[in-house]
Amino acid sequence: MNNRGILTIVSGFSGVGKGTLINKLLMKYDNYALSVSATTRGMRPGEQEGKSYFFMSVEEFENKINNNELLEYAKYVDNYYGTPRKYVEEMLESGKDVLLEIEIQGARQVKKLMPEALTIFVMPPSAETLKQRLIGRNTESSDVIDERLKRATVEAQGIEEYDCILVNDDLDKSVEKLNDIIQASHNQSFRNINFIKKIREDVNVFSEGE
């Protein structure tokens, strides 16, 4: 049996609860590792090198781009953010299943370099549920919430490229579903479409239109 871990890309709408889902999975099981991103922005109070981010200069980051040392990267508000390939590979070789929370653009970049990566898109039970979760966070104005809901339409484009769709209707159950999907994917036949359909049935994962 191959002891190498599996890289799992987790994407989903803003406010759907991806971070909470991943954090609970990490707390419940010890066979997972969270991918640590690299960034050129400054360290903020309470952040730790190698845990919050790998902090580096623009020159260091661009060298990594030129040397193909990043699985994916993007630039936001004059700062680079990306996923160091070395860290992910080390965790995978140690037998850890690595979780990478990124949007679909980054997921596409990663899949080009690591086509064996498992991709999961997290969805709410309904658009109304997503709106209520965004309101419940009490961190954004109504205008920002409306903008995020509009953005969900864009975020949904390419959803058919994902291996599985996970409906986050109950947090504890969704954590178990996520774990079941990842552990089932250790079976090499997971890439067989019939096996994927069987997993969807077993762990209650729904794709668009089902």
Protein backbone atom coordinates (compact mmCIF):
# COMPACT_ATOMS: atom_id res chain seq x y z
CA MET A 1 0.00 0.00 0.00
CA ASN A 2 1.25 3.46 -0.94
CA ASN A 3 1.93 5.46 2.24
CA ARG A 4 2.23 8.78 0.42
CA GLY A 5 -0.41 11.28 1.42
CA ILE A 6 -2.99 12.85 -0.86
CA LEU A 7 -3.22 16.52 -1.75
CA THR A 8 -6.82 17.70 -1.41
CA ILE A 9 -7.86 21.03 -2.86
CA VAL A 10 -10.87 22.53 -1.08
CA SER A 11 -12.73 25.36 -2.80
CA GLY A 12 -16.15 26.88 -2.32
CA PHE A 13 -18.21 30.02 -2.07
CA SER A 14 -17.13 32.77 0.29
CA GLY A 15 -18.97 32.26 3.58
CA VAL A 16 -19.77 28.61 2.97
CA GLY A 17 -17.66 27.51 5.95
CA LYS A 18 -14.58 26.02 4.26
CA GLY A 19 -12.19 27.23 6.95
CA THR A 20 -14.34 25.98 9.82
CA LEU A 21 -14.78 22.63 8.08
CA ILE A 22 -11.03 22.21 7.58
CA ASN A 23 -10.16 23.32 11.12
CA LYS A 24 -12.56 20.80 12.65
CA LEU A 25 -11.13 18.07 10.44
CA LEU A 26 -7.59 18.94 11.60
CA MET A 27 -8.71 18.90 15.24
CA LYS A 28 -10.46 15.54 14.95
CA TYR A 29 -7.87 13.59 12.96
CA ASP A 30 -4.08 13.60 13.19
CA ASN A 31 -3.33 12.35 9.66
CA TYR A 32 -3.89 15.74 8.03
CA ALA A 33 -1.67 18.76 7.43
CA LEU A 34 -2.76 22.21 6.30
CA SER A 35 -0.77 23.69 3.44
CA VAL A 36 1.04 26.87 4.52
CA SER A 37 1.06 29.68 1.98
CA ALA A 38 3.92 32.03 1.17
CA THR A 39 3.37 35.80 1.01
CA THR A 40 5.27 39.03 0.51
CA ARG A 41 3.06 41.06 2.84
CA GLY A 42 4.32 41.99 6.27
CA MET A 43 3.79 39.81 9.32
CA ARG A 44 0.83 40.88 11.46
CA PRO A 45 0.61 40.71 15.27
CA GLY A 46 0.10 37.14 16.45
CA GLU A 47 1.25 35.54 13.20
CA GLN A 48 4.08 33.01 13.13
CA GLU A 49 6.62 32.20 10.44
CA GLY A 50 5.99 28.77 8.94
CA LYS A 51 2.62 28.45 10.63
CA SER A 52 0.57 31.44 9.55
CA TYR A 53 2.59 32.00 6.36
CA PHE A 54 6.08 31.70 4.97
CA PHE A 55 7.02 35.40 4.87
CA MET A 56 9.49 36.47 2.19
CA SER A 57 10.61 39.41 0.11
CA VAL A 58 9.31 40.14 -3.38
CA GLU A 59 12.68 39.09 -4.79
CA GLU A 60 12.56 35.74 -2.96
CA PHE A 61 9.00 35.11 -4.11
CA GLU A 62 9.74 35.96 -7.74
CA ASN A 63 12.78 33.66 -7.64
CA LYS A 64 10.47 30.85 -6.57
CA ILE A 65 8.15 31.69 -9.47
CA ASN A 66 11.05 31.59 -11.93
CA ASN A 67 12.35 28.31 -10.48
CA ASN A 68 8.91 26.64 -10.59
CA GLU A 69 8.91 26.22 -6.81
CA LEU A 70 5.26 27.19 -6.38
CA LEU A 71 2.21 25.05 -7.08
CA GLU A 72 0.13 28.19 -7.61
CA TYR A 73 0.36 31.90 -6.96
CA ALA A 74 -1.50 35.17 -7.41
CA LYS A 75 -0.99 38.85 -6.67
CA TYR A 76 -3.47 40.82 -4.56
CA VAL A 77 -3.09 44.51 -3.70
CA ASP A 78 0.63 44.56 -4.56
CA ASN A 79 1.41 41.44 -2.52
CA TYR A 80 2.12 37.93 -3.75
CA TYR A 81 0.48 34.85 -2.27
CA GLY A 82 1.27 31.28 -3.25
CA THR A 83 1.71 27.63 -2.31
CA PRO A 84 5.32 26.41 -1.89
CA ARG A 85 5.74 23.05 -3.60
CA LYS A 86 8.52 21.85 -1.29
CA TYR A 87 6.44 22.07 1.90
CA VAL A 88 3.51 20.23 0.31
CA GLU A 89 5.78 17.50 -1.06
CA GLU A 90 7.48 17.01 2.32
CA MET A 91 4.14 16.61 4.07
CA LEU A 92 2.87 14.19 1.42
CA GLU A 93 6.04 12.08 1.60
CA SER A 94 5.69 11.90 5.39
CA GLY A 95 2.29 10.27 4.86
CA LYS A 96 0.15 13.30 5.70
CA ASP A 97 -2.93 14.11 3.65
CA VAL A 98 -2.45 17.79 2.80
CA LEU A 99 -5.38 20.23 2.65
CA LEU A 100 -5.13 23.24 0.39
CA GLU A 101 -7.88 25.88 0.57
CA ILE A 102 -7.82 27.93 -2.64
CA GLU A 103 -10.15 29.34 -5.29
CA ILE A 104 -10.73 27.70 -8.65
CA GLN A 105 -8.05 29.72 -10.47
CA GLY A 106 -5.40 28.42 -8.10
CA ALA A 107 -6.89 24.93 -8.20
CA ARG A 108 -6.41 24.86 -11.95
CA GLN A 109 -2.75 25.83 -11.57
CA VAL A 110 -2.17 23.07 -9.03
CA LYS A 111 -3.91 20.44 -11.16
CA LYS A 112 -1.55 21.19 -14.05
CA LEU A 113 1.45 20.33 -11.85
CA MET A 114 -0.20 17.64 -9.73
CA PRO A 115 -3.06 16.10 -11.74
CA GLU A 116 -3.47 13.40 -9.08
CA ALA A 117 -4.73 15.97 -6.56
CA LEU A 118 -8.26 15.44 -5.25
CA THR A 119 -10.57 18.43 -5.72
CA ILE A 120 -13.65 19.13 -3.60
CA PHE A 121 -16.05 22.07 -3.95
CA VAL A 122 -18.02 23.01 -0.83
CA MET A 123 -21.54 24.37 -1.30
CA PRO A 124 -24.32 25.55 1.04
CA PRO A 125 -27.72 23.82 0.96
CA SER A 126 -29.17 26.93 -0.72
CA ALA A 127 -28.39 30.53 -1.69
CA GLU A 128 -30.53 31.73 1.23
CA THR A 129 -28.45 29.65 3.66
CA LEU A 130 -25.27 31.22 2.26
CA LYS A 131 -26.74 34.71 2.73
CA GLN A 132 -27.74 33.97 6.34
CA ARG A 133 -24.25 32.64 7.12
CA LEU A 134 -22.66 35.80 5.74
CA ILE A 135 -25.06 37.95 7.78
CA GLY A 136 -24.40 35.84 10.89
CA ARG A 137 -20.69 36.59 10.78
CA ASN A 138 -21.44 40.25 11.61
CA THR A 139 -18.22 41.30 9.93
CA GLU A 140 -19.49 42.90 6.71
CA SER A 141 -22.01 45.50 5.58
CA SER A 142 -25.12 44.57 3.61
CA ASP A 143 -23.50 45.99 0.45
CA VAL A 144 -20.45 43.74 0.88
CA ILE A 145 -22.69 40.73 1.53
CA ASP A 146 -24.68 41.45 -1.65
CA GLU A 147 -21.40 41.73 -3.57
CA ARG A 148 -20.21 38.38 -2.20
CA LEU A 149 -23.47 36.73 -3.24
CA LYS A 150 -23.09 38.14 -6.76
CA ARG A 151 -19.52 36.84 -6.80
CA ALA A 152 -20.82 33.34 -6.06
CA THR A 153 -22.09 33.22 -9.63
CA VAL A 154 -18.52 33.69 -10.87
CA GLU A 155 -17.11 31.26 -8.30
CA ALA A 156 -19.53 28.59 -9.55
CA GLN A 157 -18.05 28.70 -13.04
CA GLY A 158 -15.84 25.64 -13.45
CA ILE A 159 -17.52 23.75 -10.63
CA GLU A 160 -17.93 20.78 -12.96
CA GLU A 161 -14.14 20.39 -13.00
CA TYR A 162 -14.12 19.21 -9.37
CA ASP A 163 -14.05 15.54 -8.40
CA CYS A 164 -16.71 15.94 -5.72
CA ILE A 165 -19.27 18.45 -4.49
CA LEU A 166 -19.79 18.57 -0.73
CA VAL A 167 -22.97 20.18 0.60
CA ASN A 168 -22.15 21.70 3.99
CA ASP A 169 -25.57 21.40 5.58
CA ASP A 170 -24.47 20.06 8.99
CA LEU A 171 -20.92 20.86 10.15
CA ASP A 172 -20.18 17.65 12.08
CA LYS A 173 -21.63 15.43 9.36
CA SER A 174 -19.79 17.40 6.69
CA VAL A 175 -16.49 16.87 8.50
CA GLU A 176 -17.13 13.12 8.40
CA LYS A 177 -18.09 13.27 4.73
CA LEU A 178 -14.90 15.18 3.92
CA ASN A 179 -12.79 12.64 5.79
CA ASP A 180 -14.59 9.74 4.08
CA ILE A 181 -13.99 11.16 0.62
CA ILE A 182 -10.28 11.77 1.21
CA GLN A 183 -9.65 8.38 2.80
CA ALA A 184 -11.57 6.60 0.04
CA SER A 185 -9.38 8.34 -2.54
CA HIS A 186 -6.36 6.42 -1.22
CA ASN A 187 -7.81 3.55 -3.23
CA GLN A 188 -6.32 3.95 -6.70
CA SER A 189 -9.61 3.01 -8.33
CA PHE A 190 -11.05 6.28 -6.98
CA ARG A 191 -10.18 7.88 -10.32
CA ASN A 192 -12.55 5.46 -11.99
CA ILE A 193 -15.78 7.40 -12.64
CA ASN A 194 -18.00 4.56 -11.39
CA PHE A 195 -16.09 4.47 -8.12
CA ILE A 196 -16.49 8.23 -7.75
CA LYS A 197 -20.26 7.88 -8.21
CA LYS A 198 -20.32 5.16 -5.55
CA ILE A 199 -18.48 7.41 -3.07
CA ARG A 200 -20.93 10.21 -3.75
CA GLU A 201 -23.79 7.90 -2.88
CA ASP A 202 -22.09 6.50 0.23
CA VAL A 203 -21.12 9.80 1.83
CA ASN A 204 -24.05 11.90 0.63
CA VAL A 205 -22.07 14.15 -1.69
CA PHE A 206 -24.15 15.89 -4.30
CA SER A 207 -23.14 17.43 -7.59
CA GLU A 208 -25.00 20.16 -9.42
CA GLY A 209 -28.19 18.83 -10.93
CA GLU A 210 -28.33 15.64 -8.86
